[in-house]
Protein backbone atom coordinates (compact mmCIF):
# COMPACT_ATOMS: atom_id res chain seq x y z
CA UNK A 1 0.00 0.00 0.00
CA UNK A 2 2.82 2.33 0.91
CA UNK A 3 4.26 1.74 -2.58
CA UNK A 4 1.06 3.05 -4.21
CA UNK A 5 1.14 6.11 -1.95
CA UNK A 6 4.76 6.73 -2.81
CA UNK A 7 3.96 6.54 -6.53
CA UNK A 8 1.05 8.99 -6.11
CA UNK A 9 3.24 11.45 -4.19
CA UNK A 10 5.98 11.14 -6.81
CA UNK A 11 3.48 11.79 -9.63
CA UNK A 12 2.09 14.84 -7.81
CA UNK A 13 5.60 16.22 -7.24
CA UNK A 14 6.53 15.64 -10.89
CA UNK A 15 3.29 17.24 -12.10
CA UNK A 16 3.66 20.36 -9.97
CA UNK A 17 7.36 20.66 -10.76
CA UNK A 18 6.46 20.57 -14.45
CA UNK A 19 3.62 23.07 -13.85
CA UNK A 20 5.89 25.50 -11.99
CA UNK A 21 8.59 25.17 -14.66
CA UNK A 22 6.08 25.95 -17.43
CA UNK A 23 4.71 28.85 -15.38
CA UNK A 24 8.07 30.47 -14.80
CA UNK A 25 9.37 29.78 -18.32
CA UNK A 26 6.51 30.05 -20.83
CA UNK A 27 7.49 28.60 -24.20
CA UNK A 28 6.97 30.89 -27.18
CA UNK A 29 8.35 31.24 -30.68
CA UNK A 30 10.81 34.04 -29.93
CA UNK A 31 12.41 35.87 -27.02
CA UNK A 32 10.30 37.15 -24.15
CA UNK A 33 11.32 40.35 -22.33
CA UNK A 34 13.16 39.83 -19.03
CA UNK A 35 11.15 39.68 -15.85
CA UNK A 36 9.56 37.32 -13.37
CA UNK A 37 6.26 35.46 -13.52
CA UNK A 38 6.19 35.27 -9.72
CA UNK A 39 4.37 32.51 -7.90
CA UNK A 40 1.99 30.15 -9.73
CA UNK A 41 -1.57 31.52 -9.92
CA UNK A 42 -0.69 34.60 -7.83
CA UNK A 43 2.14 35.91 -9.98
CA UNK A 44 3.39 39.27 -8.70
CA UNK A 45 -0.03 40.62 -7.80
CA UNK A 46 0.72 41.20 -4.12
CA UNK A 47 3.64 43.48 -5.00
CA UNK A 48 1.55 45.32 -7.59
CA UNK A 49 -1.36 46.16 -5.28
CA UNK A 50 0.87 47.63 -2.56
CA UNK A 51 -0.03 51.35 -2.48
CA UNK A 52 2.35 54.14 -3.33
CA UNK A 53 2.40 57.44 -1.44
CA UNK A 54 3.69 59.62 -4.21
CA UNK A 55 2.65 60.99 -7.59
CA UNK A 56 5.65 59.24 -9.10
CA UNK A 57 5.36 55.97 -11.02
CA UNK A 58 4.04 53.10 -8.94
CA UNK A 59 6.89 51.41 -6.98
CA UNK A 60 6.13 48.08 -8.68
CA UNK A 61 6.79 49.61 -12.11
CA UNK A 62 9.77 51.70 -11.05
CA UNK A 63 11.66 48.85 -9.34
CA UNK A 64 11.25 46.55 -12.33
CA UNK A 65 12.28 49.27 -14.77
CA UNK A 66 15.53 49.61 -12.83
CA UNK A 67 16.03 45.84 -12.69
CA UNK A 68 14.89 44.67 -16.14
CA UNK A 69 14.73 47.78 -18.33
CA UNK A 70 11.81 49.60 -19.98
CA UNK A 71 10.06 46.42 -21.22
CA UNK A 72 9.49 43.44 -18.95
CA UNK A 73 7.15 40.52 -18.37
CA UNK A 74 5.13 39.72 -15.27
CA UNK A 75 2.00 37.90 -14.18
CA UNK A 76 -0.95 39.49 -12.44
CA UNK A 77 -3.84 37.38 -11.14
CA UNK A 78 -2.70 34.42 -13.19
CA UNK A 79 -2.58 36.40 -16.44
CA UNK A 80 0.71 36.81 -18.38
CA UNK A 81 1.43 40.48 -19.07
CA UNK A 82 4.03 42.45 -21.01
CA UNK A 83 4.67 45.84 -19.38
CA UNK A 84 6.12 48.64 -21.53
CA UNK A 85 7.39 51.93 -20.15
CA UNK A 86 9.21 52.67 -23.42
CA UNK A 87 7.68 55.70 -25.12
CA UNK A 88 8.50 54.62 -28.70
CA UNK A 89 7.09 51.14 -28.12
CA UNK A 90 3.91 52.53 -26.57
CA UNK A 91 3.31 54.87 -29.50
CA UNK A 92 4.00 52.08 -31.99
CA UNK A 93 1.49 49.75 -30.31
CA UNK A 94 -1.18 52.45 -30.01
CA UNK A 95 -0.78 53.29 -33.70
CA UNK A 96 -1.36 49.64 -34.66
CA UNK A 97 -4.60 49.09 -32.82
CA UNK A 98 -6.81 46.82 -34.90
CA UNK A 99 -3.88 45.08 -36.60
CA UNK A 100 -1.46 44.07 -33.84
CA UNK A 101 -3.54 44.74 -30.74
CA UNK A 102 -7.08 45.40 -29.65
CA UNK A 103 -8.53 47.41 -26.81
CA UNK A 104 -8.82 45.31 -23.69
CA UNK A 105 -10.81 46.02 -20.57
CA UNK A 106 -10.85 44.58 -17.10
CA UNK A 107 -13.60 42.03 -16.48
CA UNK A 108 -15.50 44.28 -14.06
CA UNK A 109 -15.30 47.20 -16.52
CA UNK A 110 -16.59 45.08 -19.41
CA UNK A 111 -19.52 43.84 -17.33
CA UNK A 112 -20.53 47.24 -15.97
CA UNK A 113 -20.38 48.90 -19.39
CA UNK A 114 -21.66 45.94 -21.48
CA UNK A 115 -18.63 45.95 -23.77
CA UNK A 116 -19.64 42.97 -25.85
CA UNK A 117 -20.86 42.32 -29.40
CA UNK A 118 -20.19 44.01 -32.73
CA UNK A 119 -21.97 47.24 -31.72
CA UNK A 120 -20.18 47.54 -28.38
CA UNK A 121 -19.18 51.11 -27.68
CA UNK A 122 -15.46 50.31 -27.67
CA UNK A 123 -15.53 48.74 -31.14
CA UNK A 124 -13.05 49.82 -33.78
CA UNK A 125 -14.41 51.38 -36.96
CA UNK A 126 -17.69 53.16 -37.54
CA UNK A 127 -18.94 52.94 -33.95
CA UNK A 128 -15.74 54.46 -32.56
CA UNK A 129 -15.66 57.19 -35.22
CA UNK A 130 -19.24 58.15 -34.45
CA UNK A 131 -18.69 58.38 -30.69
CA UNK A 132 -15.60 60.51 -31.21
CA UNK A 133 -17.44 62.76 -33.68
CA UNK A 134 -20.48 63.39 -31.46
CA UNK A 135 -18.26 64.03 -28.42
CA UNK A 136 -16.13 66.56 -30.32
CA UNK A 137 -19.30 68.19 -31.65
CA UNK A 138 -20.49 68.98 -28.13
CA UNK A 139 -17.23 69.28 -26.16
CA UNK A 140 -14.57 70.09 -28.76
CA UNK A 141 -12.79 73.35 -29.58
CA UNK A 142 -15.57 74.80 -31.73
CA UNK A 143 -18.18 74.12 -29.07
CA UNK A 144 -15.93 75.76 -26.47
CA UNK A 145 -15.56 78.88 -28.61
CA UNK A 146 -19.25 79.17 -29.44
CA UNK A 147 -21.07 78.29 -26.23
CA UNK A 148 -19.23 76.46 -23.45
CA UNK A 149 -16.66 79.06 -22.33
CA UNK A 150 -19.06 81.37 -20.45
CA UNK A 151 -20.96 78.41 -19.00
CA UNK A 152 -17.81 76.82 -17.60
CA UNK A 153 -16.73 80.17 -16.19
CA UNK A 154 -20.08 80.66 -14.50
CA UNK A 155 -20.02 77.11 -13.10
CA UNK A 156 -16.57 77.56 -11.54
CA UNK A 157 -17.25 81.04 -10.16
CA UNK A 158 -20.59 80.02 -8.61
CA UNK A 159 -19.28 76.86 -6.98
CA UNK A 160 -16.03 78.34 -5.67
CA UNK A 161 -17.96 81.22 -4.10
CA UNK A 162 -20.38 78.77 -2.49
CA UNK A 163 -17.64 76.52 -1.11
CA UNK A 164 -15.79 79.49 0.40
CA UNK A 165 -18.78 80.22 2.67
CA UNK A 166 -19.25 76.62 3.83
CA UNK A 167 -16.14 76.19 5.94
CA UNK A 168 -13.98 73.08 5.38
CA UNK A 169 -15.17 71.00 2.42
CA UNK A 170 -14.10 67.71 0.86
CA UNK A 171 -12.45 69.12 -2.25
CA UNK A 172 -12.43 65.88 -4.23
CA UNK A 173 -16.14 65.28 -3.60
CA UNK A 174 -17.42 68.79 -4.33
CA UNK A 175 -15.34 69.06 -7.51
CA UNK A 176 -16.62 65.64 -8.65
CA UNK A 177 -20.22 66.72 -8.09
CA UNK A 178 -19.64 70.06 -9.84
CA UNK A 179 -18.10 68.46 -12.93
CA UNK A 180 -20.73 65.74 -13.09
CA UNK A 181 -23.68 68.13 -12.80
CA UNK A 182 -22.25 70.36 -15.53
CA UNK A 183 -21.60 67.53 -18.00
CA UNK A 184 -24.93 65.82 -17.21
CA UNK A 185 -26.71 69.08 -17.97
CA UNK A 186 -24.99 69.39 -21.35
CA UNK A 187 -25.61 65.74 -22.25
CA UNK A 188 -29.15 65.01 -21.02
CA UNK A 189 -30.41 68.34 -19.65
CA UNK A 190 -30.04 67.28 -16.02
CA UNK A 191 -30.94 70.06 -13.55
CA UNK A 192 -29.24 69.26 -10.25
CA UNK A 193 -30.98 72.09 -8.38
CA UNK A 194 -34.52 70.94 -9.18
CA UNK A 195 -34.14 67.20 -9.68
CA UNK A 196 -35.39 64.69 -7.12
CA UNK A 197 -32.60 62.30 -8.10
CA UNK A 198 -29.03 63.15 -7.09
CA UNK A 199 -27.35 61.41 -10.00
CA UNK A 200 -23.86 62.23 -8.75
CA UNK A 201 -24.57 60.13 -5.64
CA UNK A 202 -25.37 57.15 -7.87
CA UNK A 203 -22.06 57.54 -9.68
CA UNK A 204 -20.18 57.92 -6.40
CA UNK A 205 -21.69 54.62 -5.23
CA UNK A 206 -20.84 52.94 -8.54
CA UNK A 207 -17.24 54.16 -8.39
CA UNK A 208 -16.78 53.05 -4.78
CA UNK A 209 -18.15 49.57 -5.53
CA UNK A 210 -16.64 49.32 -9.00
CA UNK A 211 -13.16 48.74 -7.60
CA UNK A 212 -14.02 45.21 -6.53
CA UNK A 213 -14.14 41.66 -7.84
CA UNK A 214 -16.71 40.97 -10.58
CA UNK A 215 -18.62 38.57 -8.33
CA UNK A 216 -22.26 39.47 -8.89
CA UNK A 217 -24.00 37.81 -5.95
CA UNK A 218 -26.02 39.52 -3.18
CA UNK A 219 -23.87 41.00 -0.44
CA UNK A 220 -20.82 41.75 -2.60
CA UNK A 221 -19.57 45.21 -3.58
CA UNK A 222 -19.84 44.34 -7.25
CA UNK A 223 -23.50 43.35 -6.82
CA UNK A 224 -24.20 46.77 -5.28
CA UNK A 225 -22.30 48.34 -8.18
CA UNK A 226 -24.51 46.53 -10.71
CA UNK A 227 -27.65 47.57 -8.82
CA UNK A 228 -26.60 51.23 -8.87
CA UNK A 229 -25.69 50.88 -12.54
CA UNK A 230 -29.12 49.44 -13.38
CA UNK A 231 -30.79 52.28 -11.48
CA UNK A 232 -28.76 54.84 -13.42
CA UNK A 233 -29.44 53.14 -16.76
CA UNK A 234 -33.18 53.21 -16.03
CA UNK A 235 -33.09 56.95 -15.31
CA UNK A 236 -31.19 57.63 -18.55
CA UNK A 237 -33.44 55.31 -20.57
CA UNK A 238 -36.58 57.00 -19.19
CA UNK A 239 -35.16 60.39 -20.22
CA UNK A 240 -34.44 59.04 -23.71
CA UNK A 241 -37.93 57.55 -24.12
CA UNK A 242 -39.51 60.80 -22.90
CA UNK A 243 -37.64 62.73 -25.60
CA UNK A 244 -38.63 60.16 -28.26
CA UNK A 245 -42.33 60.38 -27.39
CA UNK A 246 -42.53 64.12 -26.72
CA UNK A 247 -40.64 66.37 -29.18
CA UNK A 248 -41.40 69.41 -26.99
CA UNK A 249 -38.85 68.05 -24.49
CA UNK A 250 -36.05 68.32 -27.04
CA UNK A 251 -33.31 70.90 -26.28
CA UNK A 252 -30.68 70.35 -28.97
CA UNK A 253 -28.17 68.65 -26.69
CA UNK A 254 -26.00 65.54 -26.94
CA UNK A 255 -28.96 63.20 -26.36
CA UNK A 256 -31.07 64.88 -29.03
CA UNK A 257 -28.32 64.50 -31.62
CA UNK A 258 -28.01 60.80 -30.79
CA UNK A 259 -31.79 60.42 -31.21
CA UNK A 260 -31.70 62.20 -34.58
CA UNK A 261 -28.80 60.01 -35.71
CA UNK A 262 -30.76 56.82 -35.04
CA UNK A 263 -32.19 57.11 -38.56
CA UNK A 264 -28.77 57.01 -40.25
CA UNK A 265 -26.59 55.09 -37.77
CA UNK A 266 -28.17 51.64 -37.54
CA UNK A 267 -26.08 50.59 -34.53
CA UNK A 268 -27.78 53.31 -32.48
CA UNK A 269 -30.59 51.77 -30.48
CA UNK A 270 -32.32 52.80 -27.28
CA UNK A 271 -30.04 50.48 -25.31
CA UNK A 272 -26.80 51.52 -27.04
CA UNK A 273 -27.54 55.23 -26.60
CA UNK A 274 -28.32 54.63 -22.93
CA UNK A 275 -24.98 52.84 -22.50
CA UNK A 276 -23.19 55.67 -24.35
CA UNK A 277 -24.67 58.30 -22.02
CA UNK A 278 -23.79 56.20 -18.97
CA UNK A 279 -20.19 55.70 -20.12
CA UNK A 280 -19.50 59.36 -20.94
CA UNK A 281 -20.89 60.53 -17.60
CA UNK A 282 -18.74 57.98 -15.78
CA UNK A 283 -15.59 59.07 -17.63
CA UNK A 284 -16.04 62.77 -16.90
CA UNK A 285 -17.09 62.18 -13.29
CA UNK A 286 -13.70 60.83 -12.23
CA UNK A 287 -11.06 62.07 -14.69
CA UNK A 288 -11.69 65.84 -14.72
CA UNK A 289 -12.38 65.99 -11.00
CA UNK A 290 -9.07 64.26 -10.22
CA UNK A 291 -7.14 66.73 -12.39
CA UNK A 292 -8.82 69.75 -10.75
CA UNK A 293 -8.36 68.34 -7.24
CA UNK A 294 -4.65 67.78 -7.72
CA UNK A 295 -4.37 71.21 -9.35
CA UNK A 296 -5.87 72.69 -6.19
CA UNK A 297 -3.25 70.83 -4.15
CA UNK A 298 -0.41 72.18 -6.32
CA UNK A 299 -1.64 75.78 -6.14
CA UNK A 300 -2.17 75.67 -2.38
CA UNK A 301 1.48 74.66 -1.96
CA UNK A 302 3.03 77.13 -4.44
CA UNK A 303 2.33 80.78 -3.65
CA UNK A 304 4.85 81.95 -6.27
CA UNK A 305 2.87 80.17 -8.99
CA UNK A 306 -0.38 81.74 -7.76
CA UNK A 307 1.23 85.21 -7.75
CA UNK A 308 2.43 84.90 -11.35
CA UNK A 309 -0.94 83.53 -12.45
CA UNK A 310 -2.68 86.46 -10.78
CA UNK A 311 -0.34 88.93 -12.49
CA UNK A 312 -1.04 87.41 -15.92
CA UNK A 313 -4.80 87.39 -15.32
CA UNK A 314 -4.80 90.98 -13.97
CA UNK A 315 -2.94 92.13 -17.09
CA UNK A 316 -5.68 90.63 -19.27
CA UNK A 317 -8.46 92.28 -17.24
CA UNK A 318 -6.74 95.70 -17.48
CA UNK A 319 -6.79 95.48 -21.29
CA UNK A 320 -10.56 94.96 -21.44
CA UNK A 321 -13.05 97.69 -22.12
CA UNK A 322 -15.37 96.02 -19.63
CA UNK A 323 -13.42 94.47 -16.70
CA UNK A 324 -16.40 92.22 -15.87
CA UNK A 325 -16.68 90.65 -19.31
CA UNK A 326 -16.23 86.91 -19.83
CA UNK A 327 -12.93 85.30 -20.74
CA UNK A 328 -12.60 85.06 -24.53
CA UNK A 329 -10.88 82.41 -26.62
CA UNK A 330 -8.25 84.93 -27.74
CA UNK A 331 -7.48 85.83 -24.12
CA UNK A 332 -7.20 82.17 -23.21
CA UNK A 333 -4.70 81.51 -26.03
CA UNK A 334 -2.59 84.50 -24.93
CA UNK A 335 -2.13 83.20 -21.36
CA UNK A 336 1.34 81.67 -21.77
CA UNK A 337 2.16 81.10 -18.10
CA UNK A 338 -1.32 79.77 -17.42
CA UNK A 339 -0.82 77.24 -20.20
CA UNK A 340 2.48 76.18 -18.63
CA UNK A 341 0.66 75.59 -15.33
CA UNK A 342 -2.02 73.59 -17.16
CA UNK A 343 0.62 71.43 -18.85
CA UNK A 344 2.43 70.85 -15.57
CA UNK A 345 -0.81 69.90 -13.80
CA UNK A 346 -1.75 67.48 -16.58
CA UNK A 347 1.77 66.03 -16.68
CA UNK A 348 1.80 65.10 -12.99
CA UNK A 349 -1.93 64.40 -12.58
CA UNK A 350 -1.96 61.88 -15.42
CA UNK A 351 -0.70 59.10 -13.17
CA UNK A 352 -2.96 56.17 -14.05
CA UNK A 353 -1.11 52.83 -14.14
CA UNK A 354 -1.42 52.66 -17.91
CA UNK A 355 -3.48 51.51 -20.89
CA UNK A 356 -4.41 47.87 -21.44
CA UNK A 357 -4.26 46.18 -24.84
CA UNK A 358 -4.37 42.55 -25.96
CA UNK A 359 -2.07 41.10 -28.64
CA UNK A 360 -3.99 39.78 -31.67
CA UNK A 361 -0.94 37.95 -33.00
CA UNK A 362 2.75 37.49 -32.27
CA UNK A 363 4.77 40.62 -33.04
CA UNK A 364 8.23 42.02 -32.35
CA UNK A 365 9.20 45.15 -30.40
CA UNK A 366 12.76 46.14 -29.50
CA UNK A 367 14.00 42.59 -30.13
CA UNK A 368 11.34 40.94 -27.95
CA UNK A 369 8.30 38.87 -28.92
CA UNK A 370 4.85 39.81 -27.68
CA UNK A 371 2.85 36.54 -27.85
CA UNK A 372 -0.69 36.45 -29.21
CA UNK A 373 -3.28 36.48 -26.44
CA UNK A 374 -1.02 38.13 -23.87
CA UNK A 375 -2.17 41.30 -22.15
CA UNK A 376 -0.04 44.43 -22.65
CA UNK A 377 0.17 47.24 -20.09
CA UNK A 378 1.38 50.46 -21.72
CA UNK A 379 2.68 52.69 -18.93
CA UNK A 380 2.21 55.99 -20.79
CA UNK A 381 2.88 58.22 -17.72
CA UNK A 382 6.50 56.97 -17.73
CA UNK A 383 7.36 59.42 -20.52
CA UNK A 384 5.95 62.36 -18.56
CA UNK A 385 7.84 61.36 -15.42
CA UNK A 386 11.14 60.62 -17.15
CA UNK A 387 13.92 62.54 -15.33
CA UNK A 388 15.96 62.70 -18.55
CA UNK A 389 13.24 64.87 -20.11
CA UNK A 390 11.68 66.47 -17.02
CA UNK A 391 14.23 67.25 -14.31
CA UNK A 392 12.89 66.46 -10.81
CA UNK A 393 9.77 65.00 -12.45
CA UNK A 394 7.46 64.92 -9.42
CA UNK A 395 8.23 68.54 -8.52
CA UNK A 396 5.50 70.96 -9.61
CA UNK A 397 7.47 73.45 -11.71
CA UNK A 398 5.54 75.24 -14.50
CA UNK A 399 8.64 77.21 -15.53
CA UNK A 400 10.23 74.02 -16.91
CA UNK A 401 8.01 74.40 -20.00
CA UNK A 402 9.94 77.51 -21.08
CA UNK A 403 12.94 75.36 -21.95
CA UNK A 404 11.10 72.51 -23.69
CA UNK A 405 10.85 72.59 -27.47
CA UNK A 406 7.79 71.38 -29.38
CA UNK A 407 9.56 68.22 -30.57
CA UNK A 408 10.27 67.16 -26.99
CA UNK A 409 6.73 68.00 -25.93
CA UNK A 410 5.08 66.06 -28.76
CA UNK A 411 7.24 63.01 -28.04
CA UNK A 412 6.94 62.92 -24.26
CA UNK A 413 3.70 64.65 -23.31
CA UNK A 414 0.55 62.59 -23.89
CA UNK A 415 -1.92 63.45 -21.10
CA UNK A 416 -4.88 62.48 -23.30
CA UNK A 417 -3.59 59.17 -24.62
CA UNK A 418 -2.55 58.49 -28.19
CA UNK A 419 -3.33 56.66 -31.38
CA UNK A 420 -6.89 56.39 -32.69
CA UNK A 421 -8.36 56.62 -29.18
CA UNK A 422 -6.93 59.95 -28.08
CA UNK A 423 -9.34 61.56 -25.64
CA UNK A 424 -12.04 63.52 -27.48
CA UNK A 425 -12.74 65.63 -24.39
CA UNK A 426 -9.24 67.08 -24.09
CA UNK A 427 -10.34 70.61 -25.04
CA UNK A 428 -12.80 71.01 -22.19
CA UNK A 429 -10.37 69.40 -19.74
CA UNK A 430 -7.54 71.74 -20.79
CA UNK A 431 -9.72 74.82 -20.61
CA UNK A 432 -11.32 74.06 -17.23
CA UNK A 433 -7.96 74.33 -15.45
CA UNK A 434 -7.09 77.94 -16.41
CA UNK A 435 -10.60 79.13 -15.59
CA UNK A 436 -10.25 77.38 -12.24
CA UNK A 437 -7.01 79.32 -11.66
CA UNK A 438 -8.72 82.64 -12.39
CA UNK A 439 -11.59 81.92 -9.99
CA UNK A 440 -9.57 80.53 -7.09
CA UNK A 441 -7.38 82.38 -4.60
CA UNK A 442 -5.29 80.99 -1.71
CA UNK A 443 -7.33 82.93 0.86
CA UNK A 444 -10.68 81.63 -0.43
CA UNK A 445 -11.25 79.59 2.73
CA UNK A 446 -10.95 76.19 1.07
CA UNK A 447 -8.83 73.52 2.70
CA UNK A 448 -7.43 70.28 1.30
CA UNK A 449 -7.31 66.75 2.65
CA UNK A 450 -4.17 65.38 4.25
CA UNK A 451 -1.72 64.88 1.40
CA UNK A 452 -0.41 61.47 2.43
CA UNK A 453 -3.85 59.93 2.92
CA UNK A 454 -5.11 61.38 -0.35
CA UNK A 455 -2.16 60.06 -2.33
CA UNK A 456 -2.38 56.64 -0.70
CA UNK A 457 -6.09 56.37 -1.45
CA UNK A 458 -5.59 57.63 -5.01
CA UNK A 459 -2.85 55.06 -5.57
CA UNK A 460 -4.96 52.34 -3.98
CA UNK A 461 -7.99 53.08 -6.18
CA UNK A 462 -5.92 53.28 -9.37
CA UNK A 463 -4.18 50.00 -8.71
CA UNK A 464 -7.31 48.18 -7.57
CA UNK A 465 -9.21 49.37 -10.63
CA UNK A 466 -6.37 48.13 -12.80
CA UNK A 467 -5.83 44.68 -11.40
CA UNK A 468 -8.16 43.28 -8.74
CA UNK A 469 -10.97 42.67 -11.21
CA UNK A 470 -8.80 40.57 -13.51
CA UNK A 471 -10.06 37.01 -13.75
CA UNK A 472 -7.43 34.30 -13.17
CA UNK A 473 -6.69 32.55 -16.44
CA UNK A 474 -7.23 29.08 -14.98
CA UNK A 475 -9.74 26.39 -15.88
CA UNK A 476 -12.26 25.36 -13.26
CA UNK A 477 -14.29 27.10 -10.58
CA UNK A 478 -12.72 26.55 -7.17
CA UNK A 479 -9.39 28.36 -7.64
CA UNK A 480 -10.85 31.59 -9.14
CA UNK A 481 -13.40 31.79 -6.31
CA UNK A 482 -10.72 31.12 -3.69
CA UNK A 483 -8.55 33.80 -5.30
CA UNK A 484 -11.35 36.35 -5.15
CA UNK A 485 -12.10 35.56 -1.51
CA UNK A 486 -8.42 36.07 -0.60
CA UNK A 487 -8.33 39.50 -2.15
CA UNK A 488 -11.73 40.58 -0.86
CA UNK A 489 -10.32 39.96 2.64
CA UNK A 490 -7.16 41.89 1.71
CA UNK A 491 -9.17 44.87 0.45
CA UNK A 492 -11.32 45.01 3.58
CA UNK A 493 -8.27 44.89 5.86
CA UNK A 494 -6.43 47.52 3.83
CA UNK A 495 -9.36 49.94 3.81
CA UNK A 496 -9.60 49.66 7.59
CA UNK A 497 -5.89 50.50 7.92
CA UNK A 498 -5.90 53.40 5.48
CA UNK A 499 -8.87 55.15 7.13
CA UNK A 500 -7.44 55.07 10.65
């Protein structure tokens, strides 16, 4: 009997030795980048989710750049990944979307935003071109010049004045609500003052629960996220149906254009338009508010910057016939120092972990093979935090832009992404910052959150959103569920520690 047991143990040892060997040394037709695949199933996920307390590159990325170079391999949640911090490689891959790579989303993201099927909103081709076109039509440069400038100015002035009389406020929250209410008004005519539904609260709940495992069963964070999503989709769908059935409700906004385009764009249905509205509101809710919040932090710490901004803005006001007139497009373009501050804010604020893509076939970059089916993480912020281009990269220094030529800027400054999916809302994001500068003053009475806690939470949310909702690439049911349970416990413990 003992002989049979010995044979079984030997077979198990041989099997797992073979499994570990294959895990650590995946066989491909070519040369993989250097790096480590970590432990079987877990990979290097534990190191990746450790929070950083700085606006610099995440410690996981920075340490491996120093050890392996700008391109390396790793494994996160059982999924093999090529990480690229090389600017040329990132641009090359982004420019070949649709041929070498395709857009890839986290499992939780794909489920929340229904990114499936030929008419999915992230599809390449006609669907993507339409979404970009309609977004530029309502939030692009021409729209800014013609109608949005005074409305943004009024929004910022009104809200900053209100916050200054309220005592201490949660800057991140109030800016998020302000941005959301403004964009929701321009997209679906939402009136925050008179509406019974506080839509920004729904999106706050979705965001807080979104950074969780895609385990949609009662009691889980993701289940609550899906419930809040369904509630939001119903509100948007009801608004759409009301416009369809009652033309008197039309107001010539984003939603109305989408309704009109249903006749010519066959992929536009009630459900797809509802998903489009939901996705755009989600994107603006978090991205613009994060930029403005960090900008507030930078200004509150740099009185010299505020003084020079004030001098430039005062000079513009003195040239006006009417000092109380609105900021014009020509005035905005003449604000050279303000633009340097905007660039510096965008350079440092754009600290997401990176962009995910999936290889459609084997291809070569810098002498390495990227295997078909592998996930690729393009760490685009690495170029903007490169000390060879930007001295003391995490120091807020707007004056650095005086010495940078346009060639350097175009190569190393990509705050709105690149390739065919460059952010269509970059104009409104870029313009909101200078108007924020003109409305805010250091003695306005606003206070900011503790820097270290804010940065730790920001880092935690970015990393969790990037990785914890990845599904382990393993057959079967037990191991993925066990994996999710392990990390749900980790998240709960970490959140308790970080809020002490």
